[in-house]
Amino acid sequence: MIPVGPMFLMLAELSLDQIRPNDIVLLKTTVGTEALMQSPILLYKIFRNSVNDANLIFSSRTEIDETFQDEFSIDSFIHVDLKPTLGKVKYILTVEVETSFNDEASVVGPLSFVIQQIRTEQSGKCTCNLASNIESM
């Protein structure tokens, strides 16, 4: 079950160990959900390093619309962190139900959260590294 905000469900937490100046991080997410009652509005958030408003780097709203006779939804989004924290950086993906009037939803899958470090060398060449420790909640 996805709780009503300000409570949230942590979906995944990933980290990269060696962010250098000029690196950027590409974050890709796909989440499958199911509406249990009404037409819930879901609020997805990505935080850098810890879950608090100061570290929020991305948010997206989506609605599971019951008028389409399908209470399932697959939401995908991409975000680029242009100024990640140097050294070790952690990204946390959460979801909450933004509305509260009898709206209920659940994560049913698929669930994918991928972060990719893109390193720009002084020569202009780029190299990419995927997170080595992937955890899904």
N, C-alpha and C. Protein backbone atom coordinates (compact mmCIF):
# COMPACT_ATOMS: atom_id res chain seq x y z
N MET A 1 0.83 -1.19 0.00
CA MET A 1 0.00 0.00 0.00
C MET A 1 0.87 1.25 0.00
N ILE A 2 0.45 2.22 -0.76
CA ILE A 2 1.14 3.51 -0.80
C ILE A 2 0.44 4.43 0.21
N PRO A 3 1.16 4.97 1.19
CA PRO A 3 0.53 5.81 2.20
C PRO A 3 0.17 7.20 1.65
N VAL A 4 -0.75 7.87 2.35
CA VAL A 4 -1.12 9.24 2.01
C VAL A 4 -0.07 10.17 2.58
N GLY A 5 0.38 11.16 1.75
CA GLY A 5 1.38 12.13 2.18
C GLY A 5 0.93 12.89 3.41
N PRO A 6 1.84 13.27 4.27
CA PRO A 6 3.29 13.34 4.08
C PRO A 6 4.02 12.02 4.34
N MET A 7 3.29 10.96 4.68
CA MET A 7 3.93 9.65 4.78
C MET A 7 4.29 9.20 3.38
N PHE A 8 5.29 8.32 3.24
CA PHE A 8 5.71 7.87 1.92
C PHE A 8 6.19 6.43 1.99
N LEU A 9 6.27 5.81 0.82
CA LEU A 9 6.81 4.47 0.68
C LEU A 9 8.15 4.60 -0.03
N MET A 10 9.24 4.13 0.60
CA MET A 10 10.54 4.14 -0.06
C MET A 10 10.59 2.95 -1.01
N LEU A 11 10.81 3.26 -2.29
CA LEU A 11 10.83 2.21 -3.31
C LEU A 11 12.22 1.67 -3.57
N ALA A 12 13.23 2.55 -3.54
CA ALA A 12 14.60 2.10 -3.84
C ALA A 12 15.60 3.11 -3.31
N GLU A 13 16.82 2.62 -3.08
CA GLU A 13 17.94 3.46 -2.66
C GLU A 13 19.19 2.94 -3.37
N LEU A 14 19.87 3.85 -4.10
CA LEU A 14 21.07 3.49 -4.85
C LEU A 14 22.17 4.49 -4.54
N SER A 15 23.42 4.07 -4.70
CA SER A 15 24.52 5.00 -4.47
C SER A 15 25.65 4.80 -5.48
N LEU A 16 26.40 5.86 -5.66
CA LEU A 16 27.63 5.85 -6.46
C LEU A 16 28.75 6.32 -5.54
N ASP A 17 29.95 5.76 -5.69
CA ASP A 17 31.02 6.00 -4.73
C ASP A 17 31.99 7.13 -5.06
N GLN A 18 32.17 7.45 -6.33
CA GLN A 18 33.24 8.39 -6.67
C GLN A 18 32.78 9.45 -7.66
N ILE A 19 31.95 10.37 -7.22
CA ILE A 19 31.52 11.48 -8.07
C ILE A 19 32.63 12.53 -8.07
N ARG A 20 33.03 12.95 -9.27
CA ARG A 20 34.07 13.97 -9.44
C ARG A 20 33.46 15.24 -10.02
N PRO A 21 34.20 16.37 -9.97
CA PRO A 21 33.70 17.58 -10.62
C PRO A 21 33.39 17.31 -12.10
N ASN A 22 32.36 17.92 -12.62
CA ASN A 22 31.87 17.80 -14.00
C ASN A 22 31.12 16.50 -14.28
N ASP A 23 31.01 15.58 -13.31
CA ASP A 23 30.19 14.38 -13.50
C ASP A 23 28.71 14.78 -13.44
N ILE A 24 27.89 14.03 -14.16
CA ILE A 24 26.45 14.15 -14.03
C ILE A 24 25.90 12.75 -13.79
N VAL A 25 24.68 12.67 -13.28
CA VAL A 25 24.07 11.38 -12.99
C VAL A 25 22.70 11.32 -13.68
N LEU A 26 22.52 10.28 -14.47
CA LEU A 26 21.25 10.01 -15.15
C LEU A 26 20.45 9.05 -14.30
N LEU A 27 19.20 9.39 -13.99
CA LEU A 27 18.32 8.56 -13.16
C LEU A 27 17.10 8.17 -14.00
N LYS A 28 16.83 6.86 -14.09
CA LYS A 28 15.69 6.35 -14.85
C LYS A 28 14.83 5.50 -13.94
N THR A 29 13.51 5.71 -14.01
CA THR A 29 12.59 5.00 -13.13
C THR A 29 11.36 4.52 -13.89
N THR A 30 10.91 3.31 -13.55
CA THR A 30 9.63 2.79 -14.01
C THR A 30 8.97 2.11 -12.81
N VAL A 31 7.69 2.45 -12.57
CA VAL A 31 6.96 1.88 -11.44
C VAL A 31 5.56 1.50 -11.91
N GLY A 32 5.15 0.28 -11.62
CA GLY A 32 3.80 -0.18 -11.91
C GLY A 32 2.94 -0.07 -10.66
N THR A 33 1.76 0.53 -10.80
CA THR A 33 0.86 0.72 -9.67
C THR A 33 -0.55 0.26 -10.00
N GLU A 34 -1.34 0.11 -8.96
CA GLU A 34 -2.73 -0.29 -9.10
C GLU A 34 -3.59 0.59 -8.21
N ALA A 35 -4.69 1.13 -8.76
CA ALA A 35 -5.64 1.90 -7.96
C ALA A 35 -6.56 0.92 -7.25
N LEU A 36 -6.69 1.06 -5.94
CA LEU A 36 -7.56 0.19 -5.17
C LEU A 36 -8.92 0.85 -4.92
N MET A 37 -8.94 2.17 -4.87
CA MET A 37 -10.18 2.93 -4.70
C MET A 37 -10.02 4.28 -5.38
N GLN A 38 -11.08 4.77 -6.01
CA GLN A 38 -11.14 6.09 -6.64
C GLN A 38 -10.06 6.24 -7.72
N SER A 39 -9.56 7.48 -7.88
CA SER A 39 -8.52 7.80 -8.85
C SER A 39 -7.38 8.53 -8.14
N PRO A 40 -6.48 7.79 -7.51
CA PRO A 40 -5.45 8.44 -6.71
C PRO A 40 -4.45 9.23 -7.56
N ILE A 41 -3.98 10.33 -6.98
CA ILE A 41 -2.88 11.08 -7.57
C ILE A 41 -1.64 10.69 -6.79
N LEU A 42 -0.65 10.15 -7.51
CA LEU A 42 0.59 9.70 -6.88
C LEU A 42 1.67 10.76 -7.06
N LEU A 43 2.49 10.92 -6.04
CA LEU A 43 3.59 11.86 -6.07
C LEU A 43 4.89 11.07 -5.88
N TYR A 44 5.69 11.01 -6.96
CA TYR A 44 7.00 10.36 -6.90
C TYR A 44 8.04 11.43 -6.57
N LYS A 45 9.03 11.07 -5.76
CA LYS A 45 10.11 12.01 -5.41
C LYS A 45 11.45 11.28 -5.45
N ILE A 46 12.48 12.00 -5.87
CA ILE A 46 13.86 11.50 -5.76
C ILE A 46 14.63 12.50 -4.90
N PHE A 47 15.28 11.96 -3.88
CA PHE A 47 16.09 12.76 -2.97
C PHE A 47 17.56 12.40 -3.15
N ARG A 48 18.43 13.38 -2.90
CA ARG A 48 19.87 13.13 -2.93
C ARG A 48 20.36 13.07 -1.48
N ASN A 49 20.93 11.94 -1.10
CA ASN A 49 21.60 11.67 0.19
C ASN A 49 20.68 11.42 1.38
N SER A 50 19.58 12.16 1.56
CA SER A 50 18.66 11.88 2.65
C SER A 50 17.28 12.41 2.30
N VAL A 51 16.27 11.84 2.96
CA VAL A 51 14.89 12.21 2.66
C VAL A 51 14.50 13.43 3.49
N ASN A 52 14.67 14.60 2.91
CA ASN A 52 14.14 15.85 3.47
C ASN A 52 13.98 16.85 2.33
N ASP A 53 13.14 17.85 2.54
CA ASP A 53 12.80 18.78 1.47
C ASP A 53 14.01 19.49 0.87
N ALA A 54 15.03 19.74 1.66
CA ALA A 54 16.23 20.42 1.15
C ALA A 54 16.98 19.56 0.13
N ASN A 55 16.81 18.25 0.19
CA ASN A 55 17.53 17.34 -0.71
C ASN A 55 16.66 16.79 -1.84
N LEU A 56 15.45 17.33 -2.01
CA LEU A 56 14.57 16.91 -3.10
C LEU A 56 15.12 17.44 -4.42
N ILE A 57 15.39 16.53 -5.38
CA ILE A 57 15.91 16.96 -6.67
C ILE A 57 14.93 16.72 -7.82
N PHE A 58 13.87 15.92 -7.57
CA PHE A 58 12.91 15.62 -8.64
C PHE A 58 11.59 15.21 -8.02
N SER A 59 10.48 15.65 -8.64
CA SER A 59 9.16 15.14 -8.24
C SER A 59 8.28 15.09 -9.48
N SER A 60 7.34 14.16 -9.47
CA SER A 60 6.43 13.97 -10.59
C SER A 60 5.09 13.49 -10.07
N ARG A 61 4.01 14.08 -10.58
CA ARG A 61 2.65 13.66 -10.22
C ARG A 61 2.06 12.85 -11.35
N THR A 62 1.29 11.84 -10.97
CA THR A 62 0.57 11.04 -11.97
C THR A 62 -0.75 10.60 -11.34
N GLU A 63 -1.75 10.38 -12.19
CA GLU A 63 -3.05 9.94 -11.71
C GLU A 63 -3.43 8.62 -12.37
N ILE A 64 -3.91 7.70 -11.56
CA ILE A 64 -4.45 6.45 -12.10
C ILE A 64 -5.92 6.73 -12.36
N ASP A 65 -6.30 6.88 -13.61
CA ASP A 65 -7.63 7.33 -13.98
C ASP A 65 -8.56 6.14 -14.19
N GLU A 66 -9.57 6.02 -13.34
CA GLU A 66 -10.48 4.89 -13.42
C GLU A 66 -11.43 4.99 -14.61
N THR A 67 -11.50 6.14 -15.28
CA THR A 67 -12.41 6.29 -16.42
C THR A 67 -11.99 5.43 -17.60
N PHE A 68 -10.74 4.99 -17.64
CA PHE A 68 -10.27 4.14 -18.72
C PHE A 68 -10.54 2.66 -18.45
N GLN A 69 -11.30 2.39 -17.38
CA GLN A 69 -11.66 1.02 -17.01
C GLN A 69 -10.43 0.16 -16.72
N ASP A 70 -9.34 0.79 -16.39
CA ASP A 70 -8.12 0.05 -16.08
C ASP A 70 -7.49 0.69 -14.85
N GLU A 71 -7.42 -0.03 -13.77
CA GLU A 71 -6.90 0.56 -12.56
C GLU A 71 -5.40 0.38 -12.41
N PHE A 72 -4.72 -0.09 -13.47
CA PHE A 72 -3.28 -0.27 -13.44
C PHE A 72 -2.60 0.85 -14.22
N SER A 73 -1.40 1.21 -13.79
CA SER A 73 -0.64 2.26 -14.46
C SER A 73 0.84 1.92 -14.40
N ILE A 74 1.55 2.28 -15.44
CA ILE A 74 3.01 2.17 -15.43
C ILE A 74 3.55 3.56 -15.69
N ASP A 75 4.29 4.08 -14.73
CA ASP A 75 4.86 5.43 -14.83
C ASP A 75 6.36 5.33 -15.03
N SER A 76 6.86 6.08 -16.00
CA SER A 76 8.30 6.13 -16.27
C SER A 76 8.74 7.57 -16.34
N PHE A 77 9.91 7.85 -15.80
CA PHE A 77 10.47 9.19 -15.91
C PHE A 77 11.98 9.13 -15.86
N ILE A 78 12.59 10.20 -16.38
CA ILE A 78 14.05 10.33 -16.43
C ILE A 78 14.41 11.69 -15.86
N HIS A 79 15.47 11.73 -15.08
CA HIS A 79 15.98 12.98 -14.53
C HIS A 79 17.50 12.97 -14.64
N VAL A 80 18.09 14.13 -14.89
CA VAL A 80 19.55 14.27 -14.93
C VAL A 80 19.97 15.18 -13.78
N ASP A 81 20.80 14.64 -12.88
CA ASP A 81 21.34 15.43 -11.77
C ASP A 81 22.62 16.09 -12.28
N LEU A 82 22.55 17.38 -12.57
CA LEU A 82 23.68 18.10 -13.16
C LEU A 82 24.75 18.48 -12.14
N LYS A 83 24.40 18.53 -10.87
CA LYS A 83 25.36 18.93 -9.84
C LYS A 83 25.31 17.98 -8.65
N PRO A 84 25.68 16.71 -8.87
CA PRO A 84 25.66 15.77 -7.75
C PRO A 84 26.72 16.11 -6.71
N THR A 85 26.50 15.62 -5.50
CA THR A 85 27.46 15.80 -4.43
C THR A 85 28.76 15.09 -4.79
N LEU A 86 29.91 15.72 -4.55
CA LEU A 86 31.20 15.09 -4.83
C LEU A 86 31.45 13.95 -3.84
N GLY A 87 32.20 12.95 -4.29
CA GLY A 87 32.46 11.78 -3.46
C GLY A 87 31.33 10.80 -3.58
N LYS A 88 30.86 10.28 -2.44
CA LYS A 88 29.76 9.30 -2.44
C LYS A 88 28.42 10.04 -2.46
N VAL A 89 27.51 9.56 -3.29
CA VAL A 89 26.18 10.14 -3.37
C VAL A 89 25.14 9.02 -3.38
N LYS A 90 24.03 9.27 -2.68
CA LYS A 90 22.95 8.29 -2.59
C LYS A 90 21.68 8.92 -3.15
N TYR A 91 20.89 8.12 -3.87
CA TYR A 91 19.61 8.57 -4.42
C TYR A 91 18.50 7.69 -3.85
N ILE A 92 17.42 8.32 -3.41
CA ILE A 92 16.32 7.62 -2.77
C ILE A 92 15.04 7.94 -3.54
N LEU A 93 14.33 6.89 -3.97
CA LEU A 93 13.07 7.03 -4.69
C LEU A 93 11.91 6.71 -3.76
N THR A 94 10.93 7.64 -3.68
CA THR A 94 9.76 7.43 -2.84
C THR A 94 8.48 7.69 -3.64
N VAL A 95 7.36 7.22 -3.09
CA VAL A 95 6.04 7.51 -3.67
C VAL A 95 5.05 7.69 -2.52
N GLU A 96 4.07 8.56 -2.74
CA GLU A 96 3.00 8.77 -1.77
C GLU A 96 1.72 9.09 -2.53
N VAL A 97 0.58 8.86 -1.90
CA VAL A 97 -0.70 9.27 -2.46
C VAL A 97 -0.90 10.73 -2.05
N GLU A 98 -1.04 11.59 -3.03
CA GLU A 98 -1.16 13.02 -2.73
C GLU A 98 -2.56 13.38 -2.26
N THR A 99 -3.58 12.73 -2.80
CA THR A 99 -4.95 13.01 -2.40
C THR A 99 -5.34 12.11 -1.24
N SER A 100 -6.35 12.49 -0.49
CA SER A 100 -6.66 11.70 0.70
C SER A 100 -8.12 11.25 0.79
N PHE A 101 -8.99 11.60 -0.15
CA PHE A 101 -10.39 11.24 -0.06
C PHE A 101 -10.64 9.86 -0.64
N ASN A 102 -10.54 8.83 0.18
CA ASN A 102 -10.78 7.44 -0.24
C ASN A 102 -9.95 6.99 -1.42
N ASP A 103 -8.80 7.59 -1.62
CA ASP A 103 -7.92 7.19 -2.71
C ASP A 103 -6.88 6.24 -2.15
N GLU A 104 -6.80 5.06 -2.74
CA GLU A 104 -5.82 4.07 -2.31
C GLU A 104 -5.13 3.48 -3.51
N ALA A 105 -3.84 3.19 -3.37
CA ALA A 105 -3.06 2.60 -4.46
C ALA A 105 -2.00 1.69 -3.87
N SER A 106 -1.48 0.84 -4.73
CA SER A 106 -0.46 -0.12 -4.33
C SER A 106 0.56 -0.25 -5.46
N VAL A 107 1.82 -0.49 -5.10
CA VAL A 107 2.85 -0.79 -6.09
C VAL A 107 2.76 -2.28 -6.40
N VAL A 108 2.59 -2.61 -7.67
CA VAL A 108 2.44 -4.01 -8.07
C VAL A 108 3.53 -4.45 -9.05
N GLY A 109 4.35 -3.53 -9.50
CA GLY A 109 5.44 -3.86 -10.40
C GLY A 109 5.05 -3.64 -11.84
N PRO A 110 5.99 -3.50 -12.70
CA PRO A 110 7.42 -3.63 -12.47
C PRO A 110 7.97 -2.44 -11.69
N LEU A 111 9.13 -2.62 -11.10
CA LEU A 111 9.83 -1.54 -10.41
C LEU A 111 11.27 -1.54 -10.89
N SER A 112 11.68 -0.41 -11.46
CA SER A 112 13.04 -0.26 -11.95
C SER A 112 13.55 1.12 -11.56
N PHE A 113 14.75 1.17 -10.98
CA PHE A 113 15.39 2.45 -10.64
C PHE A 113 16.86 2.28 -10.98
N VAL A 114 17.31 2.99 -12.00
CA VAL A 114 18.68 2.86 -12.48
C VAL A 114 19.35 4.22 -12.42
N ILE A 115 20.56 4.26 -11.85
CA ILE A 115 21.34 5.50 -11.88
C ILE A 115 22.63 5.23 -12.64
N GLN A 116 23.04 6.22 -13.42
CA GLN A 116 24.22 6.05 -14.27
C GLN A 116 25.09 7.30 -14.15
N GLN A 117 26.32 7.11 -13.74
CA GLN A 117 27.27 8.20 -13.62
C GLN A 117 27.91 8.45 -14.98
N ILE A 118 27.89 9.70 -15.41
CA ILE A 118 28.50 10.08 -16.68
C ILE A 118 29.65 11.02 -16.37
N ARG A 119 30.85 10.56 -16.69
CA ARG A 119 32.07 11.30 -16.37
C ARG A 119 32.61 11.96 -17.64
N THR A 120 32.78 13.28 -17.60
CA THR A 120 33.35 14.01 -18.72
C THR A 120 34.81 14.29 -18.42
N GLU A 121 35.67 13.78 -19.26
CA GLU A 121 37.12 13.99 -19.10
C GLU A 121 37.49 15.34 -19.71
N GLN A 122 38.66 15.84 -19.38
CA GLN A 122 39.11 17.11 -19.94
C GLN A 122 39.25 17.05 -21.45
N SER A 123 39.47 15.87 -21.99
CA SER A 123 39.61 15.71 -23.43
C SER A 123 38.26 15.79 -24.14
N GLY A 124 37.14 15.81 -23.36
CA GLY A 124 35.82 15.85 -23.95
C GLY A 124 35.17 14.49 -24.08
N LYS A 125 35.94 13.41 -23.78
CA LYS A 125 35.38 12.06 -23.84
C LYS A 125 34.52 11.81 -22.61
N CYS A 126 33.51 10.98 -22.78
CA CYS A 126 32.62 10.61 -21.67
C CYS A 126 32.73 9.13 -21.38
N THR A 127 32.66 8.77 -20.12
CA THR A 127 32.56 7.38 -19.71
C THR A 127 31.37 7.25 -18.78
N CYS A 128 30.78 6.07 -18.72
CA CYS A 128 29.58 5.86 -17.90
C CYS A 128 29.80 4.71 -16.92
N ASN A 129 29.29 4.86 -15.72
CA ASN A 129 29.33 3.82 -14.69
C ASN A 129 27.94 3.65 -14.12
N LEU A 130 27.51 2.40 -13.99
CA LEU A 130 26.24 2.11 -13.33
C LEU A 130 26.48 1.89 -11.85
N ALA A 131 25.44 2.13 -11.05
CA ALA A 131 25.55 1.89 -9.62
C ALA A 131 25.90 0.44 -9.37
N SER A 132 26.85 0.20 -8.46
CA SER A 132 27.29 -1.17 -8.22
C SER A 132 26.46 -1.86 -7.15
N ASN A 133 25.80 -1.10 -6.30
CA ASN A 133 24.98 -1.74 -5.26
C ASN A 133 23.54 -1.30 -5.44
N ILE A 134 22.74 -2.16 -6.03
CA ILE A 134 21.35 -1.85 -6.32
C ILE A 134 20.48 -2.54 -5.28
N GLU A 135 19.65 -1.72 -4.62
CA GLU A 135 18.75 -2.27 -3.62
C GLU A 135 17.34 -1.81 -3.96
N SER A 136 16.38 -2.71 -3.97
CA SER A 136 14.99 -2.34 -4.11
C SER A 136 14.27 -2.72 -2.83
N MET A 137 13.40 -1.86 -2.43
CA MET A 137 12.63 -2.08 -1.20
C MET A 137 11.33 -2.74 -1.55
